[in-house]
Amino acid sequence: MIKMNSKKTTLKINMHCEGCSVRISNTLSGIKGILGVYPDLNNHKITISYDERTIDLEKIKETIRGMGYMVG
């Protein structure tokens, strides 16, 4: 369920396999403020729902980059 102060964004990520998808999903899902993570491996994208009062988009991107992935 998406809350009222939530935002949803789709990011292009250089994930190449199911392992990448699972790794990114598990990492992001464990962060406070992330409400949902929906990878689309075929299109190299991930949609993220998050509570903007708790976490911002730049912190999410920073986390993904810290895992070794490029975020577009």
N, C-alpha and C. Protein backbone atom coordinates (compact mmCIF):
# COMPACT_ATOMS: atom_id res chain seq x y z
N MET A 1 0.84 -1.18 0.00
CA MET A 1 0.00 0.00 0.00
C MET A 1 0.89 1.25 0.00
N ILE A 2 0.55 2.22 -0.82
CA ILE A 2 1.31 3.47 -0.90
C ILE A 2 0.63 4.50 -0.01
N LYS A 3 1.45 5.12 0.85
CA LYS A 3 0.94 6.10 1.79
C LYS A 3 0.85 7.48 1.14
N MET A 4 0.18 8.41 1.82
CA MET A 4 -0.05 9.74 1.25
C MET A 4 1.22 10.54 1.02
N ASN A 5 2.23 10.40 1.85
CA ASN A 5 3.47 11.15 1.67
C ASN A 5 4.49 10.35 0.88
N SER A 6 4.01 9.45 0.07
CA SER A 6 4.94 8.62 -0.68
C SER A 6 5.12 9.17 -2.10
N LYS A 7 6.26 8.82 -2.64
CA LYS A 7 6.59 9.14 -4.02
C LYS A 7 6.93 7.84 -4.70
N LYS A 8 6.79 7.84 -5.99
CA LYS A 8 7.13 6.66 -6.79
C LYS A 8 7.99 7.14 -7.94
N THR A 9 9.11 6.46 -8.16
CA THR A 9 10.00 6.84 -9.24
C THR A 9 10.55 5.59 -9.92
N THR A 10 10.88 5.73 -11.18
CA THR A 10 11.50 4.63 -11.93
C THR A 10 12.89 5.07 -12.36
N LEU A 11 13.87 4.22 -12.08
CA LEU A 11 15.25 4.52 -12.40
C LEU A 11 15.81 3.48 -13.37
N LYS A 12 16.64 3.94 -14.28
CA LYS A 12 17.36 3.04 -15.19
C LYS A 12 18.63 2.61 -14.47
N ILE A 13 18.85 1.29 -14.39
CA ILE A 13 20.01 0.75 -13.66
C ILE A 13 20.67 -0.30 -14.53
N ASN A 14 21.99 -0.38 -14.47
CA ASN A 14 22.72 -1.35 -15.29
C ASN A 14 22.75 -2.74 -14.66
N MET A 15 21.59 -3.26 -14.26
CA MET A 15 21.55 -4.62 -13.73
C MET A 15 21.45 -5.59 -14.91
N HIS A 16 22.17 -6.73 -14.78
CA HIS A 16 22.30 -7.63 -15.91
C HIS A 16 21.66 -9.00 -15.71
N CYS A 17 21.35 -9.34 -14.46
CA CYS A 17 20.84 -10.69 -14.21
C CYS A 17 19.88 -10.68 -13.03
N GLU A 18 19.27 -11.82 -12.80
CA GLU A 18 18.33 -11.96 -11.69
C GLU A 18 19.02 -11.70 -10.35
N GLY A 19 20.29 -12.08 -10.25
CA GLY A 19 21.05 -11.84 -9.02
C GLY A 19 21.17 -10.35 -8.72
N CYS A 20 21.42 -9.56 -9.75
CA CYS A 20 21.49 -8.10 -9.59
C CYS A 20 20.16 -7.57 -9.08
N SER A 21 19.10 -8.02 -9.71
CA SER A 21 17.76 -7.59 -9.37
C SER A 21 17.43 -7.90 -7.91
N VAL A 22 17.73 -9.11 -7.49
CA VAL A 22 17.46 -9.53 -6.11
C VAL A 22 18.32 -8.74 -5.13
N ARG A 23 19.58 -8.57 -5.46
CA ARG A 23 20.50 -7.84 -4.57
C ARG A 23 20.03 -6.40 -4.35
N ILE A 24 19.68 -5.73 -5.43
CA ILE A 24 19.21 -4.34 -5.32
C ILE A 24 17.89 -4.30 -4.54
N SER A 25 16.97 -5.18 -4.87
CA SER A 25 15.67 -5.21 -4.18
C SER A 25 15.84 -5.45 -2.68
N ASN A 26 16.65 -6.43 -2.32
CA ASN A 26 16.84 -6.75 -0.91
C ASN A 26 17.50 -5.61 -0.15
N THR A 27 18.49 -4.99 -0.77
CA THR A 27 19.18 -3.88 -0.11
C THR A 27 18.24 -2.70 0.10
N LEU A 28 17.53 -2.30 -0.95
CA LEU A 28 16.64 -1.15 -0.84
C LEU A 28 15.47 -1.44 0.10
N SER A 29 14.95 -2.65 0.06
CA SER A 29 13.81 -3.00 0.92
C SER A 29 14.15 -2.91 2.40
N GLY A 30 15.43 -3.04 2.73
CA GLY A 30 15.86 -2.98 4.11
C GLY A 30 16.09 -1.57 4.64
N ILE A 31 15.87 -0.57 3.82
CA ILE A 31 16.12 0.82 4.22
C ILE A 31 14.83 1.45 4.71
N LYS A 32 14.93 2.11 5.84
CA LYS A 32 13.77 2.80 6.40
C LYS A 32 13.27 3.84 5.41
N GLY A 33 11.98 3.82 5.16
CA GLY A 33 11.37 4.78 4.25
C GLY A 33 11.07 4.21 2.87
N ILE A 34 11.68 3.07 2.55
CA ILE A 34 11.38 2.42 1.26
C ILE A 34 10.11 1.60 1.45
N LEU A 35 9.11 1.87 0.64
CA LEU A 35 7.81 1.21 0.78
C LEU A 35 7.63 0.04 -0.18
N GLY A 36 8.33 0.08 -1.31
CA GLY A 36 8.22 -0.99 -2.28
C GLY A 36 9.30 -0.88 -3.34
N VAL A 37 9.76 -2.03 -3.81
CA VAL A 37 10.79 -2.09 -4.84
C VAL A 37 10.32 -3.06 -5.90
N TYR A 38 10.25 -2.60 -7.15
CA TYR A 38 9.69 -3.39 -8.23
C TYR A 38 10.66 -3.40 -9.42
N PRO A 39 11.54 -4.39 -9.48
CA PRO A 39 12.51 -4.44 -10.58
C PRO A 39 11.89 -4.90 -11.89
N ASP A 40 12.42 -4.39 -12.98
CA ASP A 40 12.04 -4.80 -14.33
C ASP A 40 13.35 -5.13 -15.04
N LEU A 41 13.79 -6.36 -14.86
CA LEU A 41 15.09 -6.79 -15.38
C LEU A 41 15.17 -6.66 -16.90
N ASN A 42 14.10 -7.00 -17.61
CA ASN A 42 14.12 -6.95 -19.07
C ASN A 42 14.40 -5.56 -19.61
N ASN A 43 13.95 -4.54 -18.91
CA ASN A 43 14.15 -3.16 -19.36
C ASN A 43 15.22 -2.43 -18.55
N HIS A 44 15.90 -3.15 -17.66
CA HIS A 44 16.97 -2.58 -16.83
C HIS A 44 16.48 -1.37 -16.03
N LYS A 45 15.29 -1.51 -15.45
CA LYS A 45 14.71 -0.43 -14.66
C LYS A 45 14.22 -0.97 -13.33
N ILE A 46 14.09 -0.07 -12.38
CA ILE A 46 13.52 -0.43 -11.10
C ILE A 46 12.60 0.70 -10.65
N THR A 47 11.42 0.36 -10.21
CA THR A 47 10.47 1.34 -9.69
C THR A 47 10.49 1.24 -8.19
N ILE A 48 10.57 2.39 -7.54
CA ILE A 48 10.70 2.44 -6.09
C ILE A 48 9.63 3.37 -5.53
N SER A 49 8.92 2.90 -4.53
CA SER A 49 7.99 3.74 -3.77
C SER A 49 8.66 4.04 -2.44
N TYR A 50 8.62 5.30 -2.04
CA TYR A 50 9.31 5.67 -0.80
C TYR A 50 8.59 6.82 -0.11
N ASP A 51 8.81 6.90 1.19
CA ASP A 51 8.23 7.97 2.01
C ASP A 51 9.21 9.14 1.98
N GLU A 52 8.82 10.21 1.32
CA GLU A 52 9.72 11.35 1.15
C GLU A 52 10.03 12.07 2.45
N ARG A 53 9.28 11.78 3.51
CA ARG A 53 9.60 12.38 4.81
C ARG A 53 10.77 11.65 5.47
N THR A 54 11.04 10.44 5.03
CA THR A 54 12.05 9.61 5.66
C THR A 54 13.33 9.49 4.83
N ILE A 55 13.19 9.41 3.52
CA ILE A 55 14.34 9.24 2.63
C ILE A 55 14.08 10.02 1.34
N ASP A 56 15.15 10.52 0.75
CA ASP A 56 14.97 11.24 -0.52
C ASP A 56 15.59 10.46 -1.67
N LEU A 57 15.25 10.87 -2.86
CA LEU A 57 15.68 10.17 -4.06
C LEU A 57 17.20 10.12 -4.18
N GLU A 58 17.88 11.19 -3.82
CA GLU A 58 19.34 11.21 -3.94
C GLU A 58 19.98 10.16 -3.04
N LYS A 59 19.44 9.96 -1.85
CA LYS A 59 19.97 8.94 -0.94
C LYS A 59 19.75 7.53 -1.53
N ILE A 60 18.63 7.33 -2.18
CA ILE A 60 18.35 6.04 -2.83
C ILE A 60 19.36 5.81 -3.95
N LYS A 61 19.58 6.81 -4.78
CA LYS A 61 20.55 6.69 -5.87
C LYS A 61 21.95 6.44 -5.33
N GLU A 62 22.30 7.14 -4.27
CA GLU A 62 23.61 6.99 -3.64
C GLU A 62 23.81 5.55 -3.15
N THR A 63 22.76 4.98 -2.58
CA THR A 63 22.82 3.59 -2.10
C THR A 63 23.06 2.63 -3.25
N ILE A 64 22.36 2.83 -4.35
CA ILE A 64 22.51 1.97 -5.53
C ILE A 64 23.92 2.11 -6.11
N ARG A 65 24.40 3.33 -6.22
CA ARG A 65 25.77 3.56 -6.73
C ARG A 65 26.80 2.90 -5.82
N GLY A 66 26.55 2.95 -4.51
CA GLY A 66 27.45 2.34 -3.53
C GLY A 66 27.53 0.83 -3.69
N MET A 67 26.54 0.23 -4.32
CA MET A 67 26.53 -1.20 -4.58
C MET A 67 27.25 -1.53 -5.89
N GLY A 68 27.71 -0.50 -6.61
CA GLY A 68 28.46 -0.71 -7.84
C GLY A 68 27.65 -0.61 -9.12
N TYR A 69 26.44 -0.09 -9.03
CA TYR A 69 25.58 0.05 -10.22
C TYR A 69 25.50 1.50 -10.66
N MET A 70 25.33 1.70 -11.95
CA MET A 70 25.12 3.05 -12.49
C MET A 70 23.63 3.32 -12.50
N VAL A 71 23.26 4.53 -12.12
CA VAL A 71 21.85 4.93 -12.08
C VAL A 71 21.66 6.05 -13.08
N GLY A 72 20.66 5.88 -13.96
CA GLY A 72 20.38 6.91 -14.97
C GLY A 72 19.15 7.68 -14.65
